[in-house]
């Protein structure tokens, strides 16, 4: 059986993050900017990042951004429509933690970035919420699972870029 995951990610007015936020990290002036979005919804958490080799400017074009694309990371992506028990977070896993193959910059206008990610996931990972593991300890086996399945995914992201001041 072939699974397909189609997700549209947009900012939510009640979400304080405001979109894709530029991150301040050591080396960002050398490696280029990274924008990250984290939010929580009924479908589960969303935690994604997109990085570029060059600064993103108001005058940047789609071609500029596509050619300077460094990576996309889909750390946590919701799986709407999948039935799973209350109290668990589930998300698909990509074979690599970050990649740029299959990423297309669609538009960049008025500070809003629209990009699509066409990728494959190899598994679904789940973890039981509110199980806290102390440092240097293993997660209890009852608190996580992984089911290996090939899943085709199309992630459509359209959010404002929130630049550092």
N, C-alpha and C. Protein backbone atom coordinates (compact mmCIF):
# COMPACT_ATOMS: atom_id res chain seq x y z
N UNK A 1 0.84 -1.18 0.00
CA UNK A 1 0.00 0.00 0.00
C UNK A 1 0.89 1.24 0.00
N UNK A 2 0.59 2.19 -0.87
CA UNK A 2 1.36 3.43 -0.97
C UNK A 2 0.67 4.53 -0.18
N UNK A 3 1.40 5.19 0.68
CA UNK A 3 0.86 6.29 1.47
C UNK A 3 1.28 7.61 0.86
N UNK A 4 0.43 8.63 1.01
CA UNK A 4 0.72 9.97 0.50
C UNK A 4 0.38 10.97 1.60
N UNK A 5 1.25 11.92 1.80
CA UNK A 5 1.05 12.95 2.81
C UNK A 5 1.13 14.31 2.13
N UNK A 6 0.02 15.03 2.08
CA UNK A 6 -0.03 16.38 1.51
C UNK A 6 -0.36 17.35 2.64
N UNK A 7 0.55 18.29 2.87
CA UNK A 7 0.39 19.22 3.99
C UNK A 7 0.59 20.65 3.50
N UNK A 8 -0.29 21.52 3.92
CA UNK A 8 -0.14 22.96 3.68
C UNK A 8 0.16 23.62 5.01
N UNK A 9 1.29 24.31 5.10
CA UNK A 9 1.67 24.99 6.33
C UNK A 9 1.57 26.50 6.13
N UNK A 10 0.78 27.14 6.97
CA UNK A 10 0.59 28.58 6.97
C UNK A 10 0.72 29.07 8.40
N UNK A 11 1.01 30.36 8.57
CA UNK A 11 1.03 30.90 9.93
C UNK A 11 -0.41 30.99 10.42
N UNK A 12 -0.57 30.91 11.74
CA UNK A 12 -1.88 31.00 12.36
C UNK A 12 -1.89 32.30 13.16
N UNK A 13 -2.94 33.13 13.02
CA UNK A 13 -2.95 34.41 13.73
C UNK A 13 -2.72 34.30 15.24
N UNK A 14 -3.18 33.20 15.85
CA UNK A 14 -3.00 33.04 17.30
C UNK A 14 -1.60 32.54 17.66
N UNK A 15 -0.79 32.20 16.65
CA UNK A 15 0.55 31.68 16.88
C UNK A 15 1.53 32.83 17.08
N UNK A 16 2.18 32.91 18.25
CA UNK A 16 3.09 34.03 18.51
C UNK A 16 4.36 34.01 17.66
N UNK A 17 4.69 32.88 17.03
CA UNK A 17 5.94 32.82 16.27
C UNK A 17 5.88 33.70 15.01
N UNK A 18 4.70 33.86 14.43
CA UNK A 18 4.54 34.78 13.32
C UNK A 18 5.02 34.28 11.97
N UNK A 19 5.51 33.10 11.86
CA UNK A 19 5.96 32.59 10.56
C UNK A 19 7.30 31.90 10.68
N UNK A 20 8.16 32.13 9.68
CA UNK A 20 9.51 31.56 9.65
C UNK A 20 10.47 32.60 10.24
N UNK A 21 11.00 32.31 11.41
CA UNK A 21 11.81 33.27 12.15
C UNK A 21 13.29 33.04 11.91
N UNK A 22 13.99 34.13 11.60
CA UNK A 22 15.44 34.04 11.41
C UNK A 22 16.08 33.69 12.75
N UNK A 23 16.99 32.73 12.71
CA UNK A 23 17.65 32.25 13.93
C UNK A 23 19.02 32.91 14.06
N UNK A 24 19.39 33.22 15.28
CA UNK A 24 20.71 33.78 15.58
C UNK A 24 21.54 32.65 16.18
N UNK A 25 22.55 32.21 15.47
CA UNK A 25 23.38 31.11 15.95
C UNK A 25 24.83 31.38 15.57
N UNK A 26 25.77 30.79 16.30
CA UNK A 26 27.18 30.99 15.95
C UNK A 26 27.46 30.53 14.52
N UNK A 27 28.09 31.36 13.75
CA UNK A 27 28.42 31.01 12.37
C UNK A 27 27.40 31.45 11.35
N UNK A 28 26.29 32.05 11.80
CA UNK A 28 25.26 32.45 10.83
C UNK A 28 25.78 33.51 9.86
N UNK A 29 26.71 34.35 10.31
CA UNK A 29 27.24 35.36 9.40
C UNK A 29 28.13 34.73 8.32
N UNK A 30 28.66 33.55 8.59
CA UNK A 30 29.51 32.85 7.62
C UNK A 30 28.68 31.96 6.70
N UNK A 31 27.75 31.20 7.30
CA UNK A 31 27.00 30.18 6.56
C UNK A 31 25.72 30.70 5.93
N UNK A 32 25.22 31.84 6.36
CA UNK A 32 23.97 32.37 5.83
C UNK A 32 22.83 32.16 6.80
N UNK A 33 21.70 32.80 6.52
CA UNK A 33 20.58 32.77 7.45
C UNK A 33 19.80 31.46 7.43
N UNK A 34 19.24 31.14 8.58
CA UNK A 34 18.32 30.01 8.73
C UNK A 34 17.03 30.53 9.33
N UNK A 35 15.91 30.12 8.76
CA UNK A 35 14.59 30.51 9.24
C UNK A 35 13.88 29.27 9.74
N UNK A 36 13.28 29.38 10.93
CA UNK A 36 12.66 28.23 11.58
C UNK A 36 11.24 28.57 12.00
N UNK A 37 10.37 27.58 11.88
CA UNK A 37 8.99 27.73 12.36
C UNK A 37 8.69 26.59 13.32
N UNK A 38 8.17 26.94 14.49
CA UNK A 38 7.70 25.94 15.44
C UNK A 38 6.31 26.34 15.89
N UNK A 39 5.39 25.39 15.84
CA UNK A 39 4.04 25.64 16.34
C UNK A 39 3.42 24.32 16.78
N UNK A 40 2.30 24.43 17.46
CA UNK A 40 1.57 23.26 17.96
C UNK A 40 0.13 23.39 17.47
N UNK A 41 -0.42 22.30 16.97
CA UNK A 41 -1.82 22.30 16.53
C UNK A 41 -2.47 21.00 16.97
N UNK A 42 -3.75 20.86 16.68
CA UNK A 42 -4.46 19.62 17.01
C UNK A 42 -3.86 18.43 16.27
N UNK A 43 -3.25 18.68 15.11
CA UNK A 43 -2.63 17.61 14.33
C UNK A 43 -1.24 17.26 14.82
N UNK A 44 -0.71 18.04 15.77
CA UNK A 44 0.62 17.76 16.31
C UNK A 44 1.57 18.92 16.09
N UNK A 45 2.81 18.76 16.51
CA UNK A 45 3.78 19.84 16.39
C UNK A 45 4.30 20.00 14.97
N UNK A 46 4.72 21.23 14.67
CA UNK A 46 5.40 21.52 13.42
C UNK A 46 6.71 22.20 13.75
N UNK A 47 7.80 21.64 13.23
CA UNK A 47 9.13 22.23 13.45
C UNK A 47 9.92 22.03 12.17
N UNK A 48 10.06 23.12 11.41
CA UNK A 48 10.75 23.06 10.12
C UNK A 48 11.75 24.20 10.03
N UNK A 49 12.78 24.03 9.21
CA UNK A 49 13.78 25.08 8.98
C UNK A 49 14.14 25.11 7.50
N UNK A 50 14.54 26.31 7.05
CA UNK A 50 15.07 26.48 5.71
C UNK A 50 16.28 27.40 5.82
N UNK A 51 17.38 27.01 5.19
CA UNK A 51 18.61 27.78 5.28
C UNK A 51 19.11 28.19 3.91
N UNK A 52 19.78 29.33 3.88
CA UNK A 52 20.33 29.89 2.64
C UNK A 52 21.80 30.20 2.81
N UNK A 53 22.54 30.21 1.71
CA UNK A 53 23.97 30.55 1.72
C UNK A 53 24.21 32.06 1.74
N UNK A 54 23.22 32.83 1.32
CA UNK A 54 23.36 34.28 1.23
C UNK A 54 22.21 34.94 1.98
N UNK A 55 22.41 36.21 2.35
CA UNK A 55 21.35 36.96 3.02
C UNK A 55 20.10 37.02 2.16
N UNK A 56 18.95 36.97 2.82
CA UNK A 56 17.68 37.16 2.14
C UNK A 56 17.31 38.63 2.31
N UNK A 57 17.18 39.31 1.19
CA UNK A 57 16.90 40.74 1.18
C UNK A 57 15.50 40.99 0.61
N UNK A 58 14.90 42.14 0.90
CA UNK A 58 13.61 42.44 0.28
C UNK A 58 13.66 42.38 -1.24
N UNK A 59 14.83 42.67 -1.81
CA UNK A 59 14.98 42.65 -3.27
C UNK A 59 15.34 41.27 -3.84
N UNK A 60 15.50 40.26 -2.98
CA UNK A 60 15.85 38.91 -3.46
C UNK A 60 14.77 38.38 -4.39
N UNK A 61 15.20 37.69 -5.43
CA UNK A 61 14.25 37.09 -6.38
C UNK A 61 14.12 35.60 -6.08
N UNK A 62 13.15 34.98 -6.72
CA UNK A 62 12.97 33.53 -6.60
C UNK A 62 14.24 32.82 -7.05
N UNK A 63 14.84 33.29 -8.14
CA UNK A 63 16.07 32.68 -8.65
C UNK A 63 17.22 32.84 -7.65
N UNK A 64 17.32 34.02 -7.02
CA UNK A 64 18.35 34.24 -5.99
C UNK A 64 18.20 33.23 -4.86
N UNK A 65 16.98 33.07 -4.38
CA UNK A 65 16.73 32.17 -3.25
C UNK A 65 16.94 30.71 -3.63
N UNK A 66 16.49 30.33 -4.83
CA UNK A 66 16.67 28.94 -5.26
C UNK A 66 18.15 28.61 -5.38
N UNK A 67 18.94 29.52 -5.94
CA UNK A 67 20.37 29.24 -6.13
C UNK A 67 21.15 29.30 -4.82
N UNK A 68 20.66 30.03 -3.82
CA UNK A 68 21.37 30.10 -2.54
C UNK A 68 20.77 29.17 -1.48
N UNK A 69 19.79 28.35 -1.87
CA UNK A 69 19.19 27.40 -0.93
C UNK A 69 20.26 26.44 -0.41
N UNK A 70 20.39 26.37 0.89
CA UNK A 70 21.37 25.48 1.51
C UNK A 70 20.71 24.18 1.95
N UNK A 71 19.54 24.27 2.59
CA UNK A 71 18.86 23.06 3.06
C UNK A 71 17.44 23.37 3.53
N UNK A 72 16.67 22.31 3.66
CA UNK A 72 15.40 22.30 4.37
C UNK A 72 15.49 21.15 5.36
N UNK A 73 14.98 21.37 6.56
CA UNK A 73 14.90 20.31 7.58
C UNK A 73 13.46 20.20 8.03
N UNK A 74 12.91 19.00 7.91
CA UNK A 74 11.54 18.73 8.35
C UNK A 74 11.62 17.93 9.65
N UNK A 75 11.93 18.61 10.73
CA UNK A 75 12.13 17.92 12.01
C UNK A 75 10.85 17.29 12.54
N UNK A 76 9.77 18.06 12.51
CA UNK A 76 8.47 17.54 12.93
C UNK A 76 7.42 18.13 12.00
N UNK A 77 6.66 17.26 11.37
CA UNK A 77 5.61 17.67 10.45
C UNK A 77 4.35 16.93 10.86
N UNK A 78 3.22 17.64 11.00
CA UNK A 78 1.99 16.96 11.41
C UNK A 78 1.51 15.96 10.35
N UNK A 79 0.71 15.02 10.80
CA UNK A 79 0.15 14.02 9.90
C UNK A 79 -1.37 14.03 10.02
N UNK A 80 -2.01 15.07 9.47
CA UNK A 80 -3.47 15.14 9.58
C UNK A 80 -4.14 13.95 8.91
N UNK A 81 -5.20 13.49 9.54
CA UNK A 81 -5.94 12.37 8.98
C UNK A 81 -5.47 11.00 9.45
N UNK A 82 -4.30 10.93 10.09
CA UNK A 82 -3.82 9.67 10.62
C UNK A 82 -4.43 9.48 12.00
N UNK A 83 -4.96 8.32 12.24
CA UNK A 83 -5.62 8.01 13.51
C UNK A 83 -4.60 7.41 14.47
N UNK A 84 -4.40 8.07 15.60
CA UNK A 84 -3.46 7.57 16.61
C UNK A 84 -3.97 7.97 17.99
N UNK A 85 -3.54 7.27 19.02
CA UNK A 85 -4.07 7.49 20.37
C UNK A 85 -3.75 8.88 20.92
N UNK A 86 -4.66 9.39 21.74
CA UNK A 86 -4.47 10.66 22.41
C UNK A 86 -3.22 10.59 23.29
N UNK A 87 -2.50 11.70 23.35
CA UNK A 87 -1.31 11.77 24.20
C UNK A 87 -0.02 11.44 23.48
N UNK A 88 -0.12 11.11 22.19
CA UNK A 88 1.07 10.81 21.39
C UNK A 88 1.29 11.91 20.37
N UNK A 89 2.52 12.18 20.04
CA UNK A 89 2.88 13.01 18.89
C UNK A 89 3.49 12.08 17.87
N UNK A 90 3.05 12.18 16.63
CA UNK A 90 3.63 11.37 15.56
C UNK A 90 4.07 12.29 14.43
N UNK A 91 5.11 11.88 13.75
CA UNK A 91 5.55 12.62 12.58
C UNK A 91 6.38 11.72 11.69
N UNK A 92 6.38 12.04 10.39
CA UNK A 92 7.15 11.23 9.44
C UNK A 92 8.63 11.57 9.53
N UNK A 93 9.47 10.62 9.15
CA UNK A 93 10.91 10.81 9.18
C UNK A 93 11.49 10.74 7.77
N UNK A 94 12.36 11.69 7.45
CA UNK A 94 13.06 11.69 6.17
C UNK A 94 14.35 10.90 6.33
N UNK A 95 14.88 10.33 5.24
CA UNK A 95 16.12 9.56 5.33
C UNK A 95 17.32 10.39 5.78
N UNK A 96 17.29 11.69 5.51
CA UNK A 96 18.38 12.58 5.89
C UNK A 96 17.79 13.71 6.73
N UNK A 97 18.56 14.20 7.71
CA UNK A 97 18.03 15.25 8.58
C UNK A 97 17.79 16.56 7.84
N UNK A 98 18.54 16.81 6.79
CA UNK A 98 18.31 18.00 5.97
C UNK A 98 18.68 17.68 4.52
N UNK A 99 18.11 18.43 3.60
CA UNK A 99 18.30 18.16 2.17
C UNK A 99 17.84 19.38 1.38
N UNK A 100 18.17 19.40 0.10
CA UNK A 100 17.63 20.45 -0.77
C UNK A 100 17.04 19.90 -2.07
N UNK A 101 17.31 18.62 -2.36
CA UNK A 101 16.67 18.01 -3.52
C UNK A 101 15.16 17.96 -3.31
N UNK A 102 14.43 18.35 -4.32
CA UNK A 102 12.97 18.32 -4.23
C UNK A 102 12.37 19.58 -3.63
N UNK A 103 13.21 20.58 -3.32
CA UNK A 103 12.71 21.84 -2.76
C UNK A 103 12.64 22.89 -3.87
N UNK A 104 11.49 23.50 -4.02
CA UNK A 104 11.28 24.52 -5.04
C UNK A 104 10.79 25.80 -4.39
N UNK A 105 11.50 26.88 -4.63
CA UNK A 105 11.04 28.20 -4.18
C UNK A 105 10.00 28.66 -5.20
N UNK A 106 8.78 28.88 -4.75
CA UNK A 106 7.68 29.26 -5.64
C UNK A 106 7.59 30.77 -5.78
N UNK A 107 7.64 31.47 -4.65
CA UNK A 107 7.56 32.93 -4.71
C UNK A 107 8.15 33.55 -3.45
N UNK A 108 8.53 34.81 -3.60
CA UNK A 108 8.99 35.62 -2.47
C UNK A 108 8.55 37.05 -2.75
N UNK A 109 7.50 37.49 -2.04
CA UNK A 109 6.93 38.82 -2.27
C UNK A 109 6.51 39.42 -0.94
N UNK A 110 6.82 40.69 -0.76
CA UNK A 110 6.42 41.43 0.45
C UNK A 110 6.80 40.70 1.72
N UNK A 111 7.99 40.10 1.73
CA UNK A 111 8.49 39.41 2.92
C UNK A 111 7.88 38.04 3.17
N UNK A 112 7.11 37.54 2.22
CA UNK A 112 6.44 36.25 2.36
C UNK A 112 7.10 35.23 1.45
N UNK A 113 7.52 34.09 2.03
CA UNK A 113 8.19 33.03 1.27
C UNK A 113 7.23 31.86 1.06
N UNK A 114 7.14 31.43 -0.19
CA UNK A 114 6.34 30.26 -0.54
C UNK A 114 7.27 29.25 -1.18
N UNK A 115 7.38 28.06 -0.55
CA UNK A 115 8.19 27.00 -1.12
C UNK A 115 7.48 25.67 -0.96
N UNK A 116 7.85 24.73 -1.83
CA UNK A 116 7.28 23.37 -1.80
C UNK A 116 8.39 22.37 -1.65
N UNK A 117 8.10 21.33 -0.89
CA UNK A 117 9.05 20.24 -0.66
C UNK A 117 8.39 18.96 -1.14
N UNK A 118 8.97 18.34 -2.15
CA UNK A 118 8.49 17.05 -2.65
C UNK A 118 9.53 16.02 -2.22
N UNK A 119 9.18 15.18 -1.27
CA UNK A 119 10.16 14.28 -0.68
C UNK A 119 9.54 12.94 -0.32
N UNK A 120 10.37 12.05 0.13
CA UNK A 120 9.93 10.73 0.61
C UNK A 120 10.27 10.61 2.08
N UNK A 121 9.37 9.98 2.80
CA UNK A 121 9.60 9.65 4.19
C UNK A 121 9.75 8.13 4.26
N UNK A 122 10.57 7.64 5.20
CA UNK A 122 10.77 6.20 5.29
C UNK A 122 10.08 5.57 6.49
N UNK A 123 9.61 6.40 7.43
CA UNK A 123 9.01 5.84 8.64
C UNK A 123 8.12 6.88 9.31
N UNK A 124 7.29 6.40 10.21
CA UNK A 124 6.51 7.25 11.11
C UNK A 124 7.04 7.00 12.51
N UNK A 125 7.39 8.10 13.18
CA UNK A 125 7.92 8.02 14.55
C UNK A 125 6.87 8.58 15.50
N UNK A 126 6.72 7.95 16.63
CA UNK A 126 5.79 8.43 17.65
C UNK A 126 6.45 8.47 19.01
N UNK A 127 6.03 9.47 19.79
CA UNK A 127 6.52 9.54 21.16
C UNK A 127 5.38 9.96 22.07
N UNK A 128 5.37 9.38 23.22
CA UNK A 128 4.36 9.68 24.23
C UNK A 128 4.69 11.02 24.87
N UNK A 129 3.73 11.93 24.83
CA UNK A 129 3.95 13.25 25.44
C UNK A 129 4.12 13.10 26.95
N UNK A 130 4.81 14.02 27.53
CA UNK A 130 4.95 14.12 28.99
C UNK A 130 5.73 12.97 29.61
N UNK A 131 6.54 12.29 28.83
CA UNK A 131 7.49 11.34 29.39
C UNK A 131 8.85 12.02 29.34
N UNK A 132 9.36 12.38 30.48
CA UNK A 132 10.61 13.11 30.55
C UNK A 132 11.73 12.15 30.94
N UNK A 133 12.77 12.20 30.16
CA UNK A 133 13.90 11.29 30.36
C UNK A 133 15.06 12.11 30.92
N UNK A 134 15.60 11.71 32.06
CA UNK A 134 16.73 12.45 32.62
C UNK A 134 17.96 12.30 31.73
N UNK A 135 18.89 13.26 31.85
CA UNK A 135 20.13 13.16 31.07
C UNK A 135 20.83 11.83 31.31
N UNK A 136 21.42 11.30 30.27
CA UNK A 136 22.19 10.06 30.33
C UNK A 136 21.33 8.83 30.67
N UNK A 137 20.05 8.90 30.28
CA UNK A 137 19.15 7.76 30.51
C UNK A 137 18.48 7.41 29.19
N UNK A 138 18.00 6.20 29.09
CA UNK A 138 17.30 5.75 27.89
C UNK A 138 15.81 6.04 28.00
N UNK A 139 15.19 6.32 26.86
CA UNK A 139 13.74 6.49 26.83
C UNK A 139 13.10 5.12 27.05
N UNK A 140 12.11 5.03 27.92
CA UNK A 140 11.44 3.74 28.14
C UNK A 140 10.80 3.24 26.84
N UNK A 141 10.86 1.94 26.61
CA UNK A 141 10.35 1.37 25.35
C UNK A 141 8.86 1.64 25.13
N UNK A 142 8.09 1.80 26.21
CA UNK A 142 6.66 2.06 26.06
C UNK A 142 6.37 3.49 25.58
N UNK A 143 7.38 4.36 25.56
CA UNK A 143 7.17 5.78 25.29
C UNK A 143 7.47 6.20 23.85
N UNK A 144 7.83 5.26 22.98
CA UNK A 144 8.11 5.63 21.60
C UNK A 144 7.87 4.43 20.68
N UNK A 145 7.74 4.72 19.39
CA UNK A 145 7.66 3.65 18.39
C UNK A 145 8.14 4.18 17.06
N UNK A 146 8.43 3.29 16.16
CA UNK A 146 8.75 3.63 14.78
C UNK A 146 8.16 2.55 13.89
N UNK A 147 7.40 2.98 12.89
CA UNK A 147 6.83 2.07 11.91
C UNK A 147 7.40 2.46 10.55
N UNK A 148 8.08 1.53 9.92
CA UNK A 148 8.70 1.82 8.62
C UNK A 148 7.68 1.61 7.51
N UNK A 149 7.46 2.69 6.76
CA UNK A 149 6.57 2.70 5.61
C UNK A 149 7.08 3.74 4.64
N UNK A 150 7.00 3.46 3.36
CA UNK A 150 7.33 4.45 2.36
C UNK A 150 6.15 5.40 2.22
N UNK A 151 6.43 6.69 2.39
CA UNK A 151 5.38 7.71 2.30
C UNK A 151 5.89 8.81 1.38
N UNK A 152 5.14 9.10 0.33
CA UNK A 152 5.45 10.25 -0.51
C UNK A 152 4.85 11.48 0.15
N UNK A 153 5.59 12.58 0.14
CA UNK A 153 5.11 13.78 0.79
C UNK A 153 5.26 15.01 -0.05
N UNK A 154 4.26 15.87 0.01
CA UNK A 154 4.33 17.18 -0.59
C UNK A 154 3.98 18.18 0.50
N UNK A 155 4.96 18.98 0.89
CA UNK A 155 4.79 19.97 1.94
C UNK A 155 4.79 21.33 1.27
N UNK A 156 3.72 22.07 1.43
CA UNK A 156 3.54 23.38 0.80
C UNK A 156 3.58 24.43 1.92
N UNK A 157 4.63 25.23 1.95
CA UNK A 157 4.83 26.22 3.01
C UNK A 157 4.70 27.62 2.43
N UNK A 158 3.87 28.44 3.06
CA UNK A 158 3.67 29.82 2.63
C UNK A 158 3.53 30.67 3.88
N UNK A 159 4.63 31.33 4.28
CA UNK A 159 4.67 32.08 5.54
C UNK A 159 5.55 33.33 5.40
N UNK A 160 5.29 34.31 6.26
CA UNK A 160 6.19 35.47 6.26
C UNK A 160 7.55 35.11 6.86
N UNK A 161 8.61 35.76 6.36
CA UNK A 161 9.92 35.64 6.97
C UNK A 161 10.04 36.75 8.01
N UNK A 162 10.38 36.37 9.23
CA UNK A 162 10.56 37.33 10.31
C UNK A 162 12.07 37.48 10.50
N UNK A 163 12.60 38.64 10.05
CA UNK A 163 14.03 38.89 10.06
C UNK A 163 14.50 39.38 11.43
N UNK A 164 15.75 39.06 11.76
CA UNK A 164 16.35 39.64 12.96
C UNK A 164 16.53 41.13 12.76
N UNK A 165 16.43 41.86 13.82
CA UNK A 165 16.57 43.33 13.73
C UNK A 165 18.00 43.72 13.46
